[in-house]
């Protein structure tokens, strides 16, 4: 299991970072090769005193819908801007009809934070789009959508309990159950991670204070969804993810105050199934197109 976990971590870094780096600056820009007249910039987004970097693909149109995208875990804040840039590329390639769609790919921090605390930066980016982007970018915004993979899927699912948007896509969101995951690490059955080490330092082990771990697990965010949400899950994902996936769905299915929820399970495909399946691509496009109408 340790070898599998290590290989998965290496694959994820390659998956998100195998792309040209985007230069960091207050307002650095270049032409986007994927669309004539489109502009690709990096920008510091500031809302209510919280700052987060983002990579933005802005089309030539001044009236746009917006898709905020959130990358998966990369482990180092030195890598988050590259991960955000690559995640933008993956969702941009996934979505066929990107006419008048602006991407805002959020480079949320990971280091020096307990897992889940970066929802503040994730939220700041969303609120910036909803309340400040029109003035700062000289555009008119229509629909606002969220899409995230892995930890990014965790963040967009949590954001869906906090703010209204026009639709949410969560790809292999997690971790679903930090008690289960961190217990495996404590028992030496899984390689120790920065996430669980930091939680144990703050709260003690899972058998001492399990509720603190539950409070940050996605299993605790299965109600109050304010927008329709589409979940993608590869059914050859890690055993840690799949062990809690049925419980996650069961909790959501009992929700009495959620908007429409849909699950797309992809047999035989791993953690990154959304980006590997033609069926997933069609389902993703259908969902986004419907929400943009």
Protein backbone atom coordinates (compact mmCIF):
# COMPACT_ATOMS: atom_id res chain seq x y z
CA UNK A 1 0.00 0.00 0.00
CA UNK A 2 2.91 2.35 0.77
CA UNK A 3 4.37 1.79 -2.70
CA UNK A 4 1.00 2.36 -4.33
CA UNK A 5 0.50 5.57 -2.37
CA UNK A 6 3.96 6.83 -3.32
CA UNK A 7 3.39 6.04 -7.01
CA UNK A 8 0.04 7.79 -6.94
CA UNK A 9 1.63 10.89 -5.41
CA UNK A 10 4.32 10.95 -8.09
CA UNK A 11 1.69 10.51 -10.83
CA UNK A 12 -0.41 13.38 -9.48
CA UNK A 13 2.56 15.75 -9.45
CA UNK A 14 3.38 14.79 -13.04
CA UNK A 15 -0.29 15.06 -14.02
CA UNK A 16 -0.66 18.62 -12.82
CA UNK A 17 2.80 19.99 -13.45
CA UNK A 18 3.66 18.70 -16.92
CA UNK A 19 3.03 22.10 -18.46
CA UNK A 20 4.91 25.37 -19.03
CA UNK A 21 5.05 27.50 -15.94
CA UNK A 22 3.14 30.78 -15.86
CA UNK A 23 5.13 33.73 -14.57
CA UNK A 24 3.93 35.19 -11.29
CA UNK A 25 3.19 38.87 -11.16
CA UNK A 26 0.55 41.32 -10.10
CA UNK A 27 -0.74 41.40 -13.66
CA UNK A 28 1.53 39.44 -16.04
CA UNK A 29 -0.14 38.31 -19.29
CA UNK A 30 0.34 36.45 -22.53
CA UNK A 31 -1.77 35.43 -25.50
CA UNK A 32 -3.53 32.14 -24.94
CA UNK A 33 -2.57 29.73 -27.70
CA UNK A 34 -5.95 28.00 -27.36
CA UNK A 35 -7.98 30.95 -28.60
CA UNK A 36 -7.26 33.97 -30.76
CA UNK A 37 -7.91 37.15 -28.84
CA UNK A 38 -8.04 35.37 -25.48
CA UNK A 39 -5.73 36.55 -22.74
CA UNK A 40 -4.03 34.44 -20.07
CA UNK A 41 -2.98 36.27 -16.94
CA UNK A 42 -1.91 35.62 -13.39
CA UNK A 43 -3.48 37.86 -10.81
CA UNK A 44 -3.68 38.30 -7.07
CA UNK A 45 -7.30 38.15 -6.01
CA UNK A 46 -8.11 40.02 -2.81
CA UNK A 47 -11.41 39.83 -0.97
CA UNK A 48 -12.04 40.88 2.63
CA UNK A 49 -8.31 40.96 3.31
CA UNK A 50 -7.66 37.43 2.05
CA UNK A 51 -5.30 37.09 -0.92
CA UNK A 52 -4.95 34.16 -3.31
CA UNK A 53 -3.23 33.84 -6.68
CA UNK A 54 -5.13 32.67 -9.73
CA UNK A 55 -4.49 31.92 -13.38
CA UNK A 56 -7.16 33.49 -15.57
CA UNK A 57 -8.05 32.74 -19.16
CA UNK A 58 -10.10 35.72 -20.32
CA UNK A 59 -11.84 35.51 -23.70
CA UNK A 60 -12.17 38.49 -26.02
CA UNK A 61 -15.85 38.84 -25.18
CA UNK A 62 -16.75 41.35 -22.47
CA UNK A 63 -19.85 39.35 -21.44
CA UNK A 64 -18.81 36.00 -19.99
CA UNK A 65 -19.74 33.08 -17.82
CA UNK A 66 -17.04 32.03 -15.35
CA UNK A 67 -15.72 28.63 -14.33
CA UNK A 68 -13.54 28.61 -11.21
CA UNK A 69 -11.29 25.55 -11.13
CA UNK A 70 -9.42 24.08 -8.17
CA UNK A 71 -6.39 21.78 -8.50
CA UNK A 72 -5.58 18.62 -6.58
CA UNK A 73 -3.02 18.30 -3.80
CA UNK A 74 0.59 19.01 -4.77
CA UNK A 75 2.09 19.35 -1.29
CA UNK A 76 4.26 22.43 -1.79
CA UNK A 77 3.19 26.04 -2.24
CA UNK A 78 6.03 26.39 -4.75
CA UNK A 79 3.98 24.19 -7.08
CA UNK A 80 0.46 25.54 -6.66
CA UNK A 81 0.56 28.14 -9.44
CA UNK A 82 1.79 25.56 -11.93
CA UNK A 83 -0.90 23.17 -10.69
CA UNK A 84 -3.54 25.86 -11.17
CA UNK A 85 -2.29 26.55 -14.69
CA UNK A 86 -2.33 22.87 -15.62
CA UNK A 87 -5.77 22.37 -14.08
CA UNK A 88 -7.11 25.23 -16.19
CA UNK A 89 -5.70 23.49 -19.27
CA UNK A 90 -7.30 20.17 -18.36
CA UNK A 91 -10.76 21.61 -17.78
CA UNK A 92 -10.43 23.85 -20.84
CA UNK A 93 -9.59 20.80 -22.97
CA UNK A 94 -12.43 18.84 -21.39
CA UNK A 95 -15.07 21.45 -22.19
CA UNK A 96 -15.90 21.65 -25.88
CA UNK A 97 -18.03 24.79 -26.02
CA UNK A 98 -15.88 27.39 -24.28
CA UNK A 99 -17.29 30.37 -26.16
CA UNK A 100 -17.52 33.38 -23.83
CA UNK A 101 -16.33 31.29 -20.87
CA UNK A 102 -13.67 32.76 -18.59
CA UNK A 103 -11.59 30.39 -16.45
CA UNK A 104 -10.29 31.40 -13.02
CA UNK A 105 -7.99 28.64 -11.75
CA UNK A 106 -7.28 29.11 -8.07
CA UNK A 107 -3.79 28.49 -6.66
CA UNK A 108 -4.94 27.87 -3.10
CA UNK A 109 -2.19 27.33 -0.49
CA UNK A 110 -1.43 24.05 1.27
CA UNK A 111 1.61 24.56 3.51
CA UNK A 112 1.46 25.84 7.10
CA UNK A 113 -2.29 25.19 7.22
CA UNK A 114 -4.37 22.43 8.74
CA UNK A 115 -6.24 20.50 6.09
CA UNK A 116 -9.43 22.34 5.14
CA UNK A 117 -8.35 25.76 6.40
CA UNK A 118 -7.55 26.80 2.83
CA UNK A 119 -11.28 26.92 2.18
CA UNK A 120 -10.87 30.58 3.16
CA UNK A 121 -8.66 31.25 0.13
CA UNK A 122 -10.92 29.11 -2.06
CA UNK A 123 -13.89 31.15 -0.86
CA UNK A 124 -12.10 34.47 -1.38
CA UNK A 125 -11.57 33.63 -5.05
CA UNK A 126 -15.25 32.82 -5.52
CA UNK A 127 -16.39 35.99 -3.77
CA UNK A 128 -13.90 38.05 -5.80
CA UNK A 129 -15.44 36.67 -9.00
CA UNK A 130 -18.96 37.36 -7.76
CA UNK A 131 -18.34 40.85 -6.40
CA UNK A 132 -15.16 42.39 -7.81
CA UNK A 133 -14.18 40.77 -11.12
CA UNK A 134 -16.54 42.86 -13.25
CA UNK A 135 -15.02 46.12 -12.07
CA UNK A 136 -11.39 44.96 -12.06
CA UNK A 137 -11.49 43.20 -15.44
CA UNK A 138 -14.02 45.40 -17.26
CA UNK A 139 -16.45 42.55 -17.98
CA UNK A 140 -20.05 41.53 -17.39
CA UNK A 141 -20.49 38.14 -15.68
CA UNK A 142 -23.44 35.84 -16.24
CA UNK A 143 -23.26 32.36 -14.74
CA UNK A 144 -20.64 31.25 -12.18
CA UNK A 145 -19.62 27.57 -12.04
CA UNK A 146 -17.19 25.61 -9.85
CA UNK A 147 -15.08 22.59 -10.82
CA UNK A 148 -12.40 20.83 -8.82
CA UNK A 149 -10.38 17.63 -8.76
CA UNK A 150 -9.33 15.65 -5.65
CA UNK A 151 -8.65 18.23 -2.91
CA UNK A 152 -10.07 20.73 -5.37
CA UNK A 153 -13.22 18.59 -5.46
CA UNK A 154 -13.26 18.69 -1.66
CA UNK A 155 -13.09 22.48 -1.75
CA UNK A 156 -15.83 23.02 -4.34
CA UNK A 157 -18.11 20.63 -2.43
CA UNK A 158 -17.57 22.64 0.75
CA UNK A 159 -18.09 25.91 -1.11
CA UNK A 160 -21.42 24.54 -2.32
CA UNK A 161 -22.57 24.49 1.31
CA UNK A 162 -21.53 28.13 1.75
CA UNK A 163 -22.47 30.17 -1.32
CA UNK A 164 -24.90 30.03 -4.21
CA UNK A 165 -23.48 29.42 -7.68
CA UNK A 166 -24.95 28.07 -10.91
CA UNK A 167 -23.48 24.58 -10.76
CA UNK A 168 -20.64 22.51 -9.27
CA UNK A 169 -18.52 19.62 -10.55
CA UNK A 170 -16.44 17.58 -8.07
CA UNK A 171 -14.02 15.01 -9.47
CA UNK A 172 -12.88 12.31 -7.00
CA UNK A 173 -13.38 14.69 -4.06
CA UNK A 174 -11.51 13.93 -0.88
CA UNK A 175 -10.32 13.02 1.59
CA UNK A 176 -13.74 11.71 2.51
CA UNK A 177 -12.79 10.32 5.93
CA UNK A 178 -9.74 11.68 7.70
CA UNK A 179 -10.30 9.43 10.73
CA UNK A 180 -9.92 6.35 8.55
CA UNK A 181 -6.98 7.71 6.59
CA UNK A 182 -5.02 9.06 9.55
CA UNK A 183 -5.63 5.89 11.61
CA UNK A 184 -3.96 3.90 8.84
CA UNK A 185 -0.96 6.22 9.08
CA UNK A 186 -0.86 6.00 12.86
CA UNK A 187 -0.92 2.19 12.64
CA UNK A 188 1.95 2.18 10.13
CA UNK A 189 -0.25 0.79 7.35
CA UNK A 190 0.18 3.89 5.22
CA UNK A 191 3.07 6.28 4.78
CA UNK A 192 2.82 9.30 7.09
CA UNK A 193 1.54 12.45 5.38
CA UNK A 194 1.93 16.13 6.21
CA UNK A 195 -1.87 16.34 6.51
CA UNK A 196 -2.21 13.76 9.29
CA UNK A 197 1.00 14.75 11.07
CA UNK A 198 -0.26 18.33 11.37
CA UNK A 199 -3.69 17.23 12.59
CA UNK A 200 -2.18 14.94 15.22
CA UNK A 201 0.09 17.72 16.44
CA UNK A 202 -2.91 20.02 16.80
CA UNK A 203 -5.57 17.62 18.09
CA UNK A 204 -3.87 14.42 19.21
CA UNK A 205 -4.33 11.00 17.63
CA UNK A 206 -7.58 9.88 16.02
CA UNK A 207 -8.52 7.67 18.97
CA UNK A 208 -8.12 10.62 21.35
CA UNK A 209 -10.03 13.27 19.40
CA UNK A 210 -11.79 11.67 16.42
CA UNK A 211 -14.38 14.47 16.14
CA UNK A 212 -11.71 17.00 15.15
CA UNK A 213 -10.82 14.78 12.21
CA UNK A 214 -14.48 14.19 11.32
CA UNK A 215 -15.15 17.92 11.28
CA UNK A 216 -12.63 18.34 8.44
CA UNK A 217 -13.66 15.25 6.48
CA UNK A 218 -15.90 15.60 3.43
CA UNK A 219 -18.30 13.13 5.06
CA UNK A 220 -19.28 16.06 7.30
CA UNK A 221 -20.28 18.20 4.30
CA UNK A 222 -23.14 16.24 2.78
CA UNK A 223 -26.06 18.61 3.31
CA UNK A 224 -27.11 22.14 2.43
CA UNK A 225 -25.88 22.05 -1.18
CA UNK A 226 -26.94 25.35 -2.71
CA UNK A 227 -26.42 24.44 -6.38
CA UNK A 228 -26.83 21.31 -8.47
CA UNK A 229 -23.67 19.22 -8.13
CA UNK A 230 -22.20 16.48 -10.32
CA UNK A 231 -19.73 14.02 -8.78
CA UNK A 232 -17.31 11.92 -10.84
CA UNK A 233 -15.61 8.91 -9.26
CA UNK A 234 -13.28 6.38 -10.85
CA UNK A 235 -14.06 2.97 -9.41
CA UNK A 236 -10.40 1.87 -9.58
CA UNK A 237 -9.36 4.75 -7.31
CA UNK A 238 -7.37 4.09 -4.13
CA UNK A 239 -8.84 1.78 -1.50
CA UNK A 240 -8.88 4.72 0.94
CA UNK A 241 -11.20 6.73 -1.30
CA UNK A 242 -13.45 3.84 -2.26
CA UNK A 243 -13.85 2.59 1.32
CA UNK A 244 -15.83 5.72 2.23
CA UNK A 245 -17.46 6.45 -1.12
CA UNK A 246 -20.67 4.44 -0.40
CA UNK A 247 -21.11 6.19 2.97
CA UNK A 248 -20.56 9.56 1.33
CA UNK A 249 -23.28 8.90 -1.24
CA UNK A 250 -25.65 7.51 1.41
CA UNK A 251 -25.27 10.64 3.54
CA UNK A 252 -25.95 12.90 0.57
CA UNK A 253 -28.95 10.83 -0.53
CA UNK A 254 -30.55 11.46 2.87
CA UNK A 255 -30.09 15.23 2.52
CA UNK A 256 -33.38 17.13 2.73
CA UNK A 257 -32.05 20.57 1.81
CA UNK A 258 -29.76 19.82 -1.16
CA UNK A 259 -30.22 20.84 -4.76
CA UNK A 260 -30.03 18.08 -7.37
CA UNK A 261 -27.11 15.65 -6.94
CA UNK A 262 -25.80 13.32 -9.65
CA UNK A 263 -23.05 10.68 -9.44
CA UNK A 264 -21.09 9.40 -12.42
CA UNK A 265 -19.16 6.26 -11.46
CA UNK A 266 -16.54 5.13 -13.99
CA UNK A 267 -15.62 1.42 -13.73
CA UNK A 268 -11.99 0.42 -14.16
CA UNK A 269 -10.67 3.99 -14.09
CA UNK A 270 -8.42 5.60 -11.44
CA UNK A 271 -8.49 8.85 -9.48
CA UNK A 272 -8.23 10.99 -12.62
CA UNK A 273 -11.17 9.26 -14.36
CA UNK A 274 -12.92 12.48 -15.37
CA UNK A 275 -10.01 13.41 -17.64
CA UNK A 276 -9.66 9.92 -19.15
CA UNK A 277 -13.19 8.90 -20.14
CA UNK A 278 -15.18 9.90 -23.22
CA UNK A 279 -18.38 9.21 -21.30
CA UNK A 280 -17.26 11.48 -18.48
CA UNK A 281 -16.38 14.18 -21.00
CA UNK A 282 -19.86 14.02 -22.53
CA UNK A 283 -21.55 14.08 -19.12
CA UNK A 284 -19.38 17.00 -18.03
CA UNK A 285 -20.18 19.00 -21.17
CA UNK A 286 -23.89 18.27 -20.89
CA UNK A 287 -23.96 19.45 -17.28
CA UNK A 288 -22.03 22.66 -17.95
CA UNK A 289 -24.03 23.51 -21.06
CA UNK A 290 -27.28 23.02 -19.16
CA UNK A 291 -26.15 25.28 -16.32
CA UNK A 292 -25.03 28.01 -18.75
CA UNK A 293 -28.45 28.29 -20.42
